[in-house]
Amino acid sequence: MNKKLLALIFGAGLVLAACGGGNDNDNADTSTGTSTNTGTTTETASVDAEKIVSAKCISCHGQNLEGQGNFPALKDVGSRLSQDEILNVIENGRGAMPGGIISGDEAKAVAEWLAAKK
């Protein structure tokens, strides 16, 4: 029983470590936009969603977003969830995925990019 509990705790820690953190470059992508930004539309347009997914999602969801283990495939997530539903999962988490891995304009851009995957 103790070995199972220890394995569960270790596995949960490993999952959280692999999917979380890495917020060092969050501001770098949005700070490279033009100095005349007037709203979030301009900032969202300058965000490279595919680059963010590569940096923050593939460790759990797979190199080609095919899913791994208990983590679902994202290669066709747009056929299952709307853009708003995807954004909700990104911001608030779901199942083993913690919320807040991506936030703000980056989260909106990633949700839009994933919603197009059908």
Protein backbone atom coordinates (compact mmCIF):
# COMPACT_ATOMS: atom_id res chain seq x y z
CA MET A 1 0.00 0.00 0.00
CA ASN A 2 2.79 2.43 0.90
CA LYS A 3 4.58 1.76 -2.40
CA LYS A 4 1.41 2.56 -4.34
CA LEU A 5 0.93 5.82 -2.43
CA LEU A 6 4.56 6.78 -2.95
CA ALA A 7 4.30 5.98 -6.67
CA LEU A 8 1.13 8.08 -6.94
CA ILE A 9 2.73 11.05 -5.20
CA PHE A 10 5.87 10.75 -7.32
CA GLY A 11 3.83 10.48 -10.52
CA ALA A 12 1.70 13.50 -9.64
CA GLY A 13 4.82 15.53 -8.88
CA LEU A 14 6.38 14.47 -12.15
CA VAL A 15 3.28 15.48 -14.13
CA LEU A 16 3.08 18.87 -12.43
CA ALA A 17 6.79 19.50 -12.97
CA ALA A 18 6.58 18.60 -16.66
CA CYS A 19 3.52 20.73 -17.38
CA GLY A 20 4.08 23.71 -15.11
CA GLY A 21 6.59 26.50 -14.81
CA GLY A 22 8.60 28.02 -17.59
CA ASN A 23 7.08 31.49 -17.19
CA ASP A 24 10.45 33.17 -17.79
CA ASN A 25 9.65 34.07 -21.40
CA ASP A 26 5.96 34.96 -21.04
CA ASN A 27 6.56 38.68 -21.43
CA ALA A 28 9.21 38.34 -24.13
CA ASP A 29 6.73 37.44 -26.88
CA THR A 30 4.33 40.31 -26.24
CA SER A 31 7.04 42.94 -25.69
CA THR A 32 8.32 42.55 -29.25
CA GLY A 33 5.18 44.10 -30.77
CA THR A 34 4.92 47.64 -32.10
CA SER A 35 5.04 50.55 -29.71
CA THR A 36 1.63 51.78 -30.89
CA ASN A 37 -0.42 48.84 -29.56
CA THR A 38 -3.94 50.09 -29.01
CA GLY A 39 -5.64 46.91 -27.82
CA THR A 40 -5.44 43.21 -27.22
CA THR A 41 -6.17 42.39 -30.87
CA THR A 42 -2.79 43.74 -31.96
CA GLU A 43 -1.02 41.96 -29.09
CA THR A 44 -2.81 38.67 -29.78
CA ALA A 45 -1.92 38.87 -33.46
CA SER A 46 1.78 39.17 -32.59
CA VAL A 47 1.73 36.03 -30.41
CA ASP A 48 3.07 32.88 -32.09
CA ALA A 49 0.63 30.25 -30.79
CA GLU A 50 2.46 27.35 -32.41
CA LYS A 51 5.70 28.36 -30.68
CA ILE A 52 3.91 28.56 -27.32
CA VAL A 53 2.32 25.12 -27.82
CA SER A 54 5.75 23.71 -28.70
CA ALA A 55 7.25 25.19 -25.55
CA LYS A 56 4.50 24.43 -23.05
CA CYS A 57 2.20 21.65 -24.30
CA ILE A 58 4.16 18.96 -26.14
CA SER A 59 5.81 17.60 -23.00
CA CYS A 60 2.43 16.20 -21.96
CA HIS A 61 0.37 16.10 -25.16
CA GLY A 62 3.08 14.76 -27.48
CA GLN A 63 5.35 16.18 -30.17
CA ASN A 64 2.56 16.01 -32.78
CA LEU A 65 -0.22 16.66 -30.25
CA GLU A 66 -1.18 12.99 -30.58
CA GLY A 67 -1.63 12.57 -26.81
CA GLN A 68 0.41 10.47 -24.43
CA GLY A 69 -0.66 8.28 -21.54
CA ASN A 70 -3.44 10.04 -19.65
CA PHE A 71 -3.07 13.26 -21.64
CA PRO A 72 -5.54 13.69 -24.51
CA ALA A 73 -4.67 14.31 -28.14
CA LEU A 74 -4.97 17.92 -29.24
CA LYS A 75 -4.49 17.37 -32.96
CA ASP A 76 -8.28 17.40 -33.46
CA VAL A 77 -9.42 19.23 -30.34
CA GLY A 78 -11.30 21.83 -32.40
CA SER A 79 -13.76 19.14 -33.49
CA ARG A 80 -14.58 18.36 -29.85
CA LEU A 81 -14.39 21.75 -28.09
CA SER A 82 -15.18 25.34 -29.06
CA GLN A 83 -12.56 28.08 -28.83
CA ASP A 84 -14.15 29.35 -25.58
CA GLU A 85 -14.13 25.84 -24.07
CA ILE A 86 -10.46 25.40 -25.01
CA LEU A 87 -9.63 28.78 -23.46
CA ASN A 88 -11.46 27.74 -20.29
CA VAL A 89 -9.39 24.54 -20.04
CA ILE A 90 -6.15 26.49 -20.63
CA GLU A 91 -7.00 29.08 -17.97
CA ASN A 92 -8.63 26.84 -15.34
CA GLY A 93 -7.20 23.39 -16.04
CA ARG A 94 -8.98 20.07 -16.35
CA GLY A 95 -8.19 16.62 -14.99
CA ALA A 96 -4.42 16.33 -14.46
CA MET A 97 -3.74 19.60 -16.30
CA PRO A 98 -3.28 22.55 -13.95
CA GLY A 99 -4.67 25.91 -14.94
CA GLY A 100 -2.57 28.95 -15.72
CA ILE A 101 0.23 27.30 -17.69
CA ILE A 102 -0.53 29.88 -20.38
CA SER A 103 -2.37 33.12 -19.65
CA GLY A 104 -3.59 36.36 -21.16
CA ASP A 105 -3.14 37.02 -24.86
CA GLU A 106 -1.00 33.91 -25.23
CA ALA A 107 -3.85 31.74 -23.92
CA LYS A 108 -6.31 33.39 -26.32
CA ALA A 109 -3.97 32.88 -29.28
CA VAL A 110 -3.35 29.21 -28.38
CA ALA A 111 -7.10 28.60 -27.93
CA GLU A 112 -7.78 30.11 -31.37
CA TRP A 113 -4.98 28.04 -32.94
CA LEU A 114 -6.15 24.79 -31.31
CA ALA A 115 -9.82 25.48 -32.19
CA ALA A 116 -8.80 25.38 -35.87
CA LYS A 117 -7.45 21.82 -35.40
CA LYS A 118 -10.32 19.64 -36.61
